[in-house]
Amino acid sequence: MSNAWEYLVTANAHDPETLTHHVNNHARVGWELITVTFAVKGESGTHYFYWRRPVNVRVPEPPPGT
């Protein structure tokens, strides 16, 4: 039996203070982190996070901006 997945891409500004919160917030609602594209070290920019979870998981989405 194969799993059906849903996918999500999120972005977080290059801000170490909010990075952990962003990742933990998505993990709490059932998302599994697949990979990250990090902003270049020493520059401002945006990190992109690629997530997946089984389709049958129905939990609230994280609040906007997290």
N, C-alpha and C. Protein backbone atom coordinates (compact mmCIF):
# COMPACT_ATOMS: atom_id res chain seq x y z
N MET A 1 0.85 -1.18 0.00
CA MET A 1 0.00 0.00 0.00
C MET A 1 0.89 1.24 0.00
N SER A 2 0.64 2.14 -0.91
CA SER A 2 1.46 3.35 -0.97
C SER A 2 0.77 4.49 -0.22
N ASN A 3 1.59 5.33 0.34
CA ASN A 3 1.06 6.50 1.05
C ASN A 3 0.80 7.62 0.06
N ALA A 4 -0.29 8.32 0.28
CA ALA A 4 -0.54 9.53 -0.49
C ALA A 4 -0.07 10.71 0.37
N TRP A 5 0.67 11.58 -0.24
CA TRP A 5 1.25 12.72 0.49
C TRP A 5 0.67 14.03 -0.02
N GLU A 6 0.61 15.00 0.87
CA GLU A 6 0.38 16.37 0.47
C GLU A 6 1.65 17.13 0.80
N TYR A 7 1.92 18.16 0.03
CA TYR A 7 3.18 18.90 0.16
C TYR A 7 2.93 20.36 0.43
N LEU A 8 3.90 21.00 1.07
CA LEU A 8 3.80 22.41 1.44
C LEU A 8 5.18 23.03 1.32
N VAL A 9 5.25 24.24 0.81
CA VAL A 9 6.49 25.01 0.79
C VAL A 9 6.24 26.27 1.61
N THR A 10 7.12 26.54 2.56
CA THR A 10 7.01 27.75 3.37
C THR A 10 8.30 28.55 3.26
N ALA A 11 8.22 29.79 3.66
CA ALA A 11 9.39 30.67 3.63
C ALA A 11 9.54 31.33 4.99
N ASN A 12 10.76 31.58 5.38
CA ASN A 12 11.04 32.28 6.63
C ASN A 12 12.23 33.21 6.38
N ALA A 13 12.07 34.44 6.81
CA ALA A 13 13.15 35.41 6.64
C ALA A 13 14.40 34.94 7.38
N HIS A 14 15.55 35.38 6.93
CA HIS A 14 16.82 35.02 7.56
C HIS A 14 16.87 35.68 8.93
N ASP A 15 16.30 35.00 9.91
CA ASP A 15 16.23 35.52 11.28
C ASP A 15 16.36 34.34 12.23
N PRO A 16 17.54 34.13 12.80
CA PRO A 16 17.75 32.96 13.67
C PRO A 16 16.77 32.86 14.83
N GLU A 17 16.25 33.98 15.30
CA GLU A 17 15.33 33.97 16.43
C GLU A 17 13.99 33.32 16.08
N THR A 18 13.56 33.39 14.81
CA THR A 18 12.27 32.82 14.44
C THR A 18 12.39 31.47 13.73
N LEU A 19 13.60 31.08 13.38
CA LEU A 19 13.80 29.85 12.62
C LEU A 19 13.29 28.62 13.37
N THR A 20 13.69 28.44 14.61
CA THR A 20 13.25 27.28 15.40
C THR A 20 11.74 27.28 15.59
N HIS A 21 11.19 28.44 15.87
CA HIS A 21 9.73 28.55 16.04
C HIS A 21 9.01 28.12 14.76
N HIS A 22 9.49 28.57 13.63
CA HIS A 22 8.87 28.24 12.34
C HIS A 22 8.87 26.73 12.11
N VAL A 23 9.99 26.09 12.33
CA VAL A 23 10.11 24.65 12.11
C VAL A 23 9.24 23.87 13.11
N ASN A 24 9.33 24.21 14.38
CA ASN A 24 8.55 23.50 15.40
C ASN A 24 7.05 23.69 15.19
N ASN A 25 6.62 24.86 14.78
CA ASN A 25 5.21 25.12 14.57
C ASN A 25 4.63 24.20 13.49
N HIS A 26 5.36 24.00 12.41
CA HIS A 26 4.89 23.13 11.34
C HIS A 26 4.95 21.66 11.74
N ALA A 27 5.97 21.28 12.48
CA ALA A 27 6.07 19.89 12.94
C ALA A 27 4.92 19.54 13.88
N ARG A 28 4.49 20.48 14.70
CA ARG A 28 3.39 20.23 15.62
C ARG A 28 2.08 19.90 14.92
N VAL A 29 1.91 20.39 13.71
CA VAL A 29 0.66 20.14 12.99
C VAL A 29 0.83 19.04 11.94
N GLY A 30 1.84 18.21 12.13
CA GLY A 30 1.96 17.01 11.34
C GLY A 30 2.85 17.06 10.11
N TRP A 31 3.52 18.18 9.85
CA TRP A 31 4.38 18.27 8.67
C TRP A 31 5.75 17.69 8.98
N GLU A 32 6.28 16.95 8.04
CA GLU A 32 7.62 16.39 8.11
C GLU A 32 8.52 17.20 7.17
N LEU A 33 9.62 17.70 7.70
CA LEU A 33 10.54 18.50 6.90
C LEU A 33 11.33 17.59 5.96
N ILE A 34 11.27 17.90 4.66
CA ILE A 34 11.97 17.10 3.66
C ILE A 34 13.35 17.70 3.39
N THR A 35 13.37 19.01 3.09
CA THR A 35 14.64 19.67 2.79
C THR A 35 14.47 21.18 2.98
N VAL A 36 15.59 21.87 3.01
CA VAL A 36 15.60 23.33 3.19
C VAL A 36 16.56 23.93 2.18
N THR A 37 16.18 25.06 1.63
CA THR A 37 17.09 25.88 0.83
C THR A 37 17.38 27.11 1.68
N PHE A 38 18.60 27.22 2.19
CA PHE A 38 18.95 28.31 3.09
C PHE A 38 19.40 29.56 2.34
N ALA A 39 19.11 30.71 2.94
CA ALA A 39 19.64 31.97 2.43
C ALA A 39 21.16 31.91 2.59
N VAL A 40 21.85 32.68 1.79
CA VAL A 40 23.31 32.70 1.84
C VAL A 40 23.76 33.28 3.18
N LYS A 41 24.69 32.58 3.83
CA LYS A 41 25.19 33.02 5.14
C LYS A 41 25.77 34.43 5.04
N GLY A 42 25.40 35.25 6.01
CA GLY A 42 25.92 36.61 6.05
C GLY A 42 25.11 37.60 5.23
N GLU A 43 24.13 37.12 4.51
CA GLU A 43 23.28 38.02 3.72
C GLU A 43 21.85 37.91 4.23
N SER A 44 21.10 38.98 4.06
CA SER A 44 19.68 38.86 4.36
C SER A 44 19.05 38.07 3.22
N GLY A 45 17.99 37.41 3.50
CA GLY A 45 17.35 36.59 2.49
C GLY A 45 16.25 35.76 3.10
N THR A 46 15.86 34.74 2.39
CA THR A 46 14.75 33.89 2.82
C THR A 46 15.15 32.43 2.74
N HIS A 47 14.77 31.68 3.77
CA HIS A 47 14.94 30.23 3.77
C HIS A 47 13.64 29.63 3.24
N TYR A 48 13.73 28.59 2.43
CA TYR A 48 12.55 27.89 1.93
C TYR A 48 12.54 26.48 2.48
N PHE A 49 11.41 26.09 3.04
CA PHE A 49 11.24 24.79 3.68
C PHE A 49 10.25 23.97 2.87
N TYR A 50 10.60 22.71 2.64
CA TYR A 50 9.76 21.80 1.86
C TYR A 50 9.28 20.69 2.79
N TRP A 51 7.96 20.57 2.92
CA TRP A 51 7.33 19.69 3.89
C TRP A 51 6.43 18.68 3.20
N ARG A 52 6.14 17.58 3.92
CA ARG A 52 5.13 16.64 3.47
C ARG A 52 4.45 16.04 4.70
N ARG A 53 3.25 15.53 4.47
CA ARG A 53 2.55 14.76 5.49
C ARG A 53 1.54 13.86 4.78
N PRO A 54 1.16 12.76 5.41
CA PRO A 54 0.17 11.89 4.80
C PRO A 54 -1.14 12.65 4.59
N VAL A 55 -1.82 12.34 3.52
CA VAL A 55 -3.07 13.03 3.18
C VAL A 55 -4.11 12.86 4.28
N ASN A 56 -4.12 11.72 4.95
CA ASN A 56 -5.16 11.47 5.95
C ASN A 56 -4.95 12.22 7.26
N VAL A 57 -3.89 12.98 7.41
CA VAL A 57 -3.65 13.77 8.62
C VAL A 57 -4.40 15.09 8.47
N ARG A 58 -5.33 15.34 9.35
CA ARG A 58 -6.10 16.58 9.31
C ARG A 58 -5.95 17.30 10.64
N VAL A 59 -5.07 18.26 10.66
CA VAL A 59 -4.84 19.09 11.85
C VAL A 59 -4.87 20.54 11.39
N PRO A 60 -5.10 21.47 12.32
CA PRO A 60 -5.16 22.88 11.93
C PRO A 60 -3.85 23.35 11.29
N GLU A 61 -3.95 24.23 10.33
CA GLU A 61 -2.78 24.84 9.72
C GLU A 61 -2.17 25.84 10.71
N PRO A 62 -0.86 26.08 10.61
CA PRO A 62 -0.25 27.08 11.50
C PRO A 62 -0.79 28.46 11.16
N PRO A 63 -0.76 29.35 12.14
CA PRO A 63 -1.22 30.73 11.89
C PRO A 63 -0.40 31.38 10.79
N PRO A 64 -0.99 32.29 10.02
CA PRO A 64 -0.25 32.98 8.96
C PRO A 64 0.99 33.67 9.52
N GLY A 65 2.03 33.67 8.73
CA GLY A 65 3.26 34.36 9.12
C GLY A 65 4.17 33.56 10.01
N THR A 66 3.89 32.27 10.17
CA THR A 66 4.76 31.47 11.05
C THR A 66 5.60 30.53 10.23
